[in-house]
Amino acid sequence: MISSNIGNIITIVVLVAVIALAVRSIVKDKKNGRGCCGSSCKSCHLCDKGGTAGTKGKT
């Protein structure tokens, strides 16, 4: 049964690894204060208010 689905299993493992690396990168960027708006928060709807990227919620 496993040998007949080895192609599917390999594909799923590769996809899970790619998704895990993407999530890891996003979390790492968030911890380093990098936002998703590319440092142009003046027009970014994701930031609380205009200013510099990575200052959301900081005083």
PDB file of N, CA and C in Angstrom:
ATOM      1  N   MET A   1       0.817  -1.180   0.000  1.00  0.00           N
ATOM      2  CA  MET A   1       0.000   0.000   0.000  1.00  0.00           C
ATOM      3  C   MET A   1       0.874   1.263   0.000  1.00  0.00           C
ATOM      4  N   ILE A   2       1.880   1.312   0.851  1.00  0.00           N
ATOM      5  CA  ILE A   2       2.742   2.482   0.896  1.00  0.00           C
ATOM      6  C   ILE A   2       3.545   2.598  -0.393  1.00  0.00           C
ATOM      7  N   SER A   3       4.013   1.503  -0.921  1.00  0.00           N
ATOM      8  CA  SER A   3       4.840   1.555  -2.131  1.00  0.00           C
ATOM      9  C   SER A   3       4.047   2.050  -3.344  1.00  0.00           C
ATOM     10  N   SER A   4       2.755   1.853  -3.347  1.00  0.00           N
ATOM     11  CA  SER A   4       1.953   2.326  -4.466  1.00  0.00           C
ATOM     12  C   SER A   4       1.654   3.823  -4.362  1.00  0.00           C
ATOM     13  N   ASN A   5       1.829   4.411  -3.195  1.00  0.00           N
ATOM     14  CA  ASN A   5       1.559   5.830  -2.974  1.00  0.00           C
ATOM     15  C   ASN A   5       2.821   6.628  -2.660  1.00  0.00           C
ATOM     16  N   ILE A   6       3.987   6.106  -2.961  1.00  0.00           N
ATOM     17  CA  ILE A   6       5.236   6.757  -2.588  1.00  0.00           C
ATOM     18  C   ILE A   6       5.371   8.140  -3.232  1.00  0.00           C
ATOM     19  N   GLY A   7       4.891   8.292  -4.452  1.00  0.00           N
ATOM     20  CA  GLY A   7       4.950   9.589  -5.120  1.00  0.00           C
ATOM     21  C   GLY A   7       4.131  10.638  -4.387  1.00  0.00           C
ATOM     22  N   ASN A   8       2.952  10.263  -3.968  1.00  0.00           N
ATOM     23  CA  ASN A   8       2.089  11.175  -3.210  1.00  0.00           C
ATOM     24  C   ASN A   8       2.704  11.512  -1.851  1.00  0.00           C
ATOM     25  N   ILE A   9       3.275  10.530  -1.213  1.00  0.00           N
ATOM     26  CA  ILE A   9       3.878  10.745   0.102  1.00  0.00           C
ATOM     27  C   ILE A   9       5.052  11.715  -0.002  1.00  0.00           C
ATOM     28  N   ILE A  10       5.896  11.529  -0.997  1.00  0.00           N
ATOM     29  CA  ILE A  10       7.046  12.418  -1.192  1.00  0.00           C
ATOM     30  C   ILE A  10       6.568  13.836  -1.480  1.00  0.00           C
ATOM     31  N   THR A  11       5.566  13.975  -2.325  1.00  0.00           N
ATOM     32  CA  THR A  11       5.027  15.292  -2.658  1.00  0.00           C
ATOM     33  C   THR A  11       4.479  15.997  -1.423  1.00  0.00           C
ATOM     34  N   ILE A  12       3.743  15.283  -0.601  1.00  0.00           N
ATOM     35  CA  ILE A  12       3.172  15.853   0.618  1.00  0.00           C
ATOM     36  C   ILE A  12       4.272  16.266   1.587  1.00  0.00           C
ATOM     37  N   VAL A  13       5.296  15.453   1.730  1.00  0.00           N
ATOM     38  CA  VAL A  13       6.401  15.776   2.629  1.00  0.00           C
ATOM     39  C   VAL A  13       7.118  17.045   2.164  1.00  0.00           C
ATOM     40  N   VAL A  14       7.347  17.163   0.866  1.00  0.00           N
ATOM     41  CA  VAL A  14       8.008  18.351   0.323  1.00  0.00           C
ATOM     42  C   VAL A  14       7.139  19.591   0.548  1.00  0.00           C
ATOM     43  N   LEU A  15       5.843  19.496   0.294  1.00  0.00           N
ATOM     44  CA  LEU A  15       4.946  20.630   0.506  1.00  0.00           C
ATOM     45  C   LEU A  15       4.900  21.057   1.968  1.00  0.00           C
ATOM     46  N   VAL A  16       4.847  20.108   2.871  1.00  0.00           N
ATOM     47  CA  VAL A  16       4.835  20.423   4.300  1.00  0.00           C
ATOM     48  C   VAL A  16       6.136  21.120   4.696  1.00  0.00           C
ATOM     49  N   ALA A  17       7.260  20.664   4.158  1.00  0.00           N
ATOM     50  CA  ALA A  17       8.545  21.294   4.464  1.00  0.00           C
ATOM     51  C   ALA A  17       8.593  22.732   3.954  1.00  0.00           C
ATOM     52  N   VAL A  18       8.098  22.976   2.752  1.00  0.00           N
ATOM     53  CA  VAL A  18       8.086  24.329   2.185  1.00  0.00           C
ATOM     54  C   VAL A  18       7.196  25.246   3.007  1.00  0.00           C
ATOM     55  N   ILE A  19       6.027  24.774   3.390  1.00  0.00           N
ATOM     56  CA  ILE A  19       5.108  25.577   4.197  1.00  0.00           C
ATOM     57  C   ILE A  19       5.717  25.869   5.566  1.00  0.00           C
ATOM     58  N   ALA A  20       6.360  24.883   6.167  1.00  0.00           N
ATOM     59  CA  ALA A  20       6.993  25.086   7.474  1.00  0.00           C
ATOM     60  C   ALA A  20       8.099  26.129   7.390  1.00  0.00           C
ATOM     61  N   LEU A  21       8.899  26.099   6.335  1.00  0.00           N
ATOM     62  CA  LEU A  21       9.955  27.097   6.162  1.00  0.00           C
ATOM     63  C   LEU A  21       9.378  28.491   5.951  1.00  0.00           C
ATOM     64  N   ALA A  22       8.284  28.594   5.222  1.00  0.00           N
ATOM     65  CA  ALA A  22       7.646  29.893   5.000  1.00  0.00           C
ATOM     66  C   ALA A  22       7.109  30.463   6.309  1.00  0.00           C
ATOM     67  N   VAL A  23       6.452  29.649   7.095  1.00  0.00           N
ATOM     68  CA  VAL A  23       5.913  30.094   8.379  1.00  0.00           C
ATOM     69  C   VAL A  23       7.049  30.495   9.309  1.00  0.00           C
ATOM     70  N   ARG A  24       8.122  29.719   9.313  1.00  0.00           N
ATOM     71  CA  ARG A  24       9.284  30.033  10.142  1.00  0.00           C
ATOM     72  C   ARG A  24       9.873  31.389   9.760  1.00  0.00           C
ATOM     73  N   SER A  25       9.952  31.652   8.479  1.00  0.00           N
ATOM     74  CA  SER A  25      10.487  32.924   8.001  1.00  0.00           C
ATOM     75  C   SER A  25       9.593  34.089   8.420  1.00  0.00           C
ATOM     76  N   ILE A  26       8.294  33.916   8.327  1.00  0.00           N
ATOM     77  CA  ILE A  26       7.349  34.966   8.714  1.00  0.00           C
ATOM     78  C   ILE A  26       7.459  35.250  10.210  1.00  0.00           C
ATOM     79  N   VAL A  27       7.528  34.210  11.022  1.00  0.00           N
ATOM     80  CA  VAL A  27       7.633  34.382  12.471  1.00  0.00           C
ATOM     81  C   VAL A  27       8.956  35.069  12.818  1.00  0.00           C
ATOM     82  N   LYS A  28      10.023  34.671  12.169  1.00  0.00           N
ATOM     83  CA  LYS A  28      11.336  35.273  12.413  1.00  0.00           C
ATOM     84  C   LYS A  28      11.317  36.758  12.055  1.00  0.00           C
ATOM     85  N   ASP A  29      10.704  37.104  10.931  1.00  0.00           N
ATOM     86  CA  ASP A  29      10.600  38.500  10.531  1.00  0.00           C
ATOM     87  C   ASP A  29       9.776  39.308  11.535  1.00  0.00           C
ATOM     88  N   LYS A  30       8.692  38.742  12.017  1.00  0.00           N
ATOM     89  CA  LYS A  30       7.859  39.428  13.006  1.00  0.00           C
ATOM     90  C   LYS A  30       8.645  39.694  14.283  1.00  0.00           C
ATOM     91  N   LYS A  31       9.437  38.701  14.733  1.00  0.00           N
ATOM     92  CA  LYS A  31      10.226  38.864  15.944  1.00  0.00           C
ATOM     93  C   LYS A  31      11.304  39.930  15.770  1.00  0.00           C
ATOM     94  N   ASN A  32      11.801  40.091  14.555  1.00  0.00           N
ATOM     95  CA  ASN A  32      12.827  41.090  14.279  1.00  0.00           C
ATOM     96  C   ASN A  32      12.234  42.454  13.975  1.00  0.00           C
ATOM     97  N   GLY A  33      10.924  42.585  14.042  1.00  0.00           N
ATOM     98  CA  GLY A  33      10.261  43.868  13.866  1.00  0.00           C
ATOM     99  C   GLY A  33      10.013  44.255  12.431  1.00  0.00           C
ATOM    100  N   ARG A  34      10.133  43.335  11.534  1.00  0.00           N
ATOM    101  CA  ARG A  34       9.861  43.636  10.129  1.00  0.00           C
ATOM    102  C   ARG A  34       8.385  43.402   9.860  1.00  0.00           C
ATOM    103  N   GLY A  35       7.766  44.363   9.234  1.00  0.00           N
ATOM    104  CA  GLY A  35       6.351  44.238   8.911  1.00  0.00           C
ATOM    105  C   GLY A  35       6.157  43.690   7.515  1.00  0.00           C
ATOM    106  N   CYS A  36       4.932  43.470   7.179  1.00  0.00           N
ATOM    107  CA  CYS A  36       4.600  42.935   5.861  1.00  0.00           C
ATOM    108  C   CYS A  36       4.374  44.033   4.835  1.00  0.00           C
ATOM    109  N   CYS A  37       4.482  45.300   5.273  1.00  0.00           N
ATOM    110  CA  CYS A  37       4.165  46.398   4.375  1.00  0.00           C
ATOM    111  C   CYS A  37       5.391  46.951   3.665  1.00  0.00           C
ATOM    112  N   GLY A  38       6.540  46.376   3.860  1.00  0.00           N
ATOM    113  CA  GLY A  38       7.737  46.809   3.170  1.00  0.00           C
ATOM    114  C   GLY A  38       8.241  48.170   3.620  1.00  0.00           C
ATOM    115  N   SER A  39       8.055  48.490   4.880  1.00  0.00           N
ATOM    116  CA  SER A  39       8.556  49.719   5.505  1.00  0.00           C
ATOM    117  C   SER A  39       7.879  50.991   5.013  1.00  0.00           C
ATOM    118  N   SER A  40       6.731  50.883   4.391  1.00  0.00           N
ATOM    119  CA  SER A  40       6.001  52.088   3.991  1.00  0.00           C
ATOM    120  C   SER A  40       4.657  52.102   4.701  1.00  0.00           C
ATOM    121  N   CYS A  41       4.716  52.305   6.002  1.00  0.00           N
ATOM    122  CA  CYS A  41       3.507  52.216   6.831  1.00  0.00           C
ATOM    123  C   CYS A  41       2.578  53.413   6.683  1.00  0.00           C
ATOM    124  N   LYS A  42       3.000  54.457   6.004  1.00  0.00           N
ATOM    125  CA  LYS A  42       2.133  55.621   5.860  1.00  0.00           C
ATOM    126  C   LYS A  42       0.843  55.268   5.138  1.00  0.00           C
ATOM    127  N   SER A  43       0.932  54.343   4.204  1.00  0.00           N
ATOM    128  CA  SER A  43      -0.259  53.948   3.458  1.00  0.00           C
ATOM    129  C   SER A  43      -0.683  52.510   3.761  1.00  0.00           C
ATOM    130  N   CYS A  44      -0.088  51.924   4.777  1.00  0.00           N
ATOM    131  CA  CYS A  44      -0.360  50.521   5.103  1.00  0.00           C
ATOM    132  C   CYS A  44      -1.593  50.412   5.990  1.00  0.00           C
ATOM    133  N   HIS A  45      -2.566  49.622   5.577  1.00  0.00           N
ATOM    134  CA  HIS A  45      -3.773  49.441   6.371  1.00  0.00           C
ATOM    135  C   HIS A  45      -3.579  48.437   7.500  1.00  0.00           C
ATOM    136  N   LEU A  46      -2.437  47.756   7.537  1.00  0.00           N
ATOM    137  CA  LEU A  46      -2.190  46.766   8.572  1.00  0.00           C
ATOM    138  C   LEU A  46      -1.576  47.371   9.830  1.00  0.00           C
ATOM    139  N   CYS A  47      -0.981  48.543   9.697  1.00  0.00           N
ATOM    140  CA  CYS A  47      -0.386  49.216  10.850  1.00  0.00           C
ATOM    141  C   CYS A  47      -1.450  50.010  11.590  1.00  0.00           C
ATOM    142  N   ASP A  48      -1.235  50.225  12.874  1.00  0.00           N
ATOM    143  CA  ASP A  48      -2.187  51.002  13.671  1.00  0.00           C
ATOM    144  C   ASP A  48      -2.285  52.447  13.183  1.00  0.00           C
ATOM    145  N   LYS A  49      -1.143  53.033  12.876  1.00  0.00           N
ATOM    146  CA  LYS A  49      -1.106  54.413  12.396  1.00  0.00           C
ATOM    147  C   LYS A  49       0.139  54.589  11.556  1.00  0.00           C
ATOM    148  N   GLY A  50       0.185  55.643  10.802  1.00  0.00           N
ATOM    149  CA  GLY A  50       1.341  55.902   9.965  1.00  0.00           C
ATOM    150  C   GLY A  50       2.600  56.045  10.787  1.00  0.00           C
ATOM    151  N   GLY A  51       3.723  55.686  10.234  1.00  0.00           N
ATOM    152  CA  GLY A  51       4.986  55.781  10.948  1.00  0.00           C
ATOM    153  C   GLY A  51       6.007  54.888  10.276  1.00  0.00           C
ATOM    154  N   THR A  52       6.812  54.228  11.047  1.00  0.00           N
ATOM    155  CA  THR A  52       7.831  53.347  10.476  1.00  0.00           C
ATOM    156  C   THR A  52       7.452  51.908  10.709  1.00  0.00           C
ATOM    157  N   ALA A  53       7.918  51.049   9.853  1.00  0.00           N
ATOM    158  CA  ALA A  53       7.601  49.627   9.951  1.00  0.00           C
ATOM    159  C   ALA A  53       8.187  49.056  11.228  1.00  0.00           C
ATOM    160  N   GLY A  54       7.476  48.130  11.818  1.00  0.00           N
ATOM    161  CA  GLY A  54       7.968  47.443  12.978  1.00  0.00           C
ATOM    162  C   GLY A  54       7.706  48.167  14.292  1.00  0.00           C
ATOM    163  N   THR A  55       6.956  49.258  14.285  1.00  0.00           N
ATOM    164  CA  THR A  55       6.692  50.000  15.511  1.00  0.00           C
ATOM    165  C   THR A  55       5.279  49.772  16.022  1.00  0.00           C
ATOM    166  N   LYS A  56       4.560  48.882  15.418  1.00  0.00           N
ATOM    167  CA  LYS A  56       3.183  48.636  15.838  1.00  0.00           C
ATOM    168  C   LYS A  56       3.162  48.104  17.280  1.00  0.00           C
ATOM    169  N   GLY A  57       2.460  48.801  18.120  1.00  0.00           N
ATOM    170  CA  GLY A  57       2.313  48.365  19.498  1.00  0.00           C
ATOM    171  C   GLY A  57       3.501  48.701  20.386  1.00  0.00           C
ATOM    172  N   LYS A  58       4.526  49.352  19.872  1.00  0.00           N
ATOM    173  CA  LYS A  58       5.698  49.701  20.663  1.00  0.00           C
ATOM    174  C   LYS A  58       5.603  51.153  21.099  1.00  0.00           C
ATOM    175  N   THR A  59       6.155  51.448  22.252  1.00  0.00           N
ATOM    176  CA  THR A  59       6.152  52.829  22.725  1.00  0.00           C
ATOM    177  C   THR A  59       7.526  53.406  22.707  1.00  0.00           C
TER     178      THR A  59
END
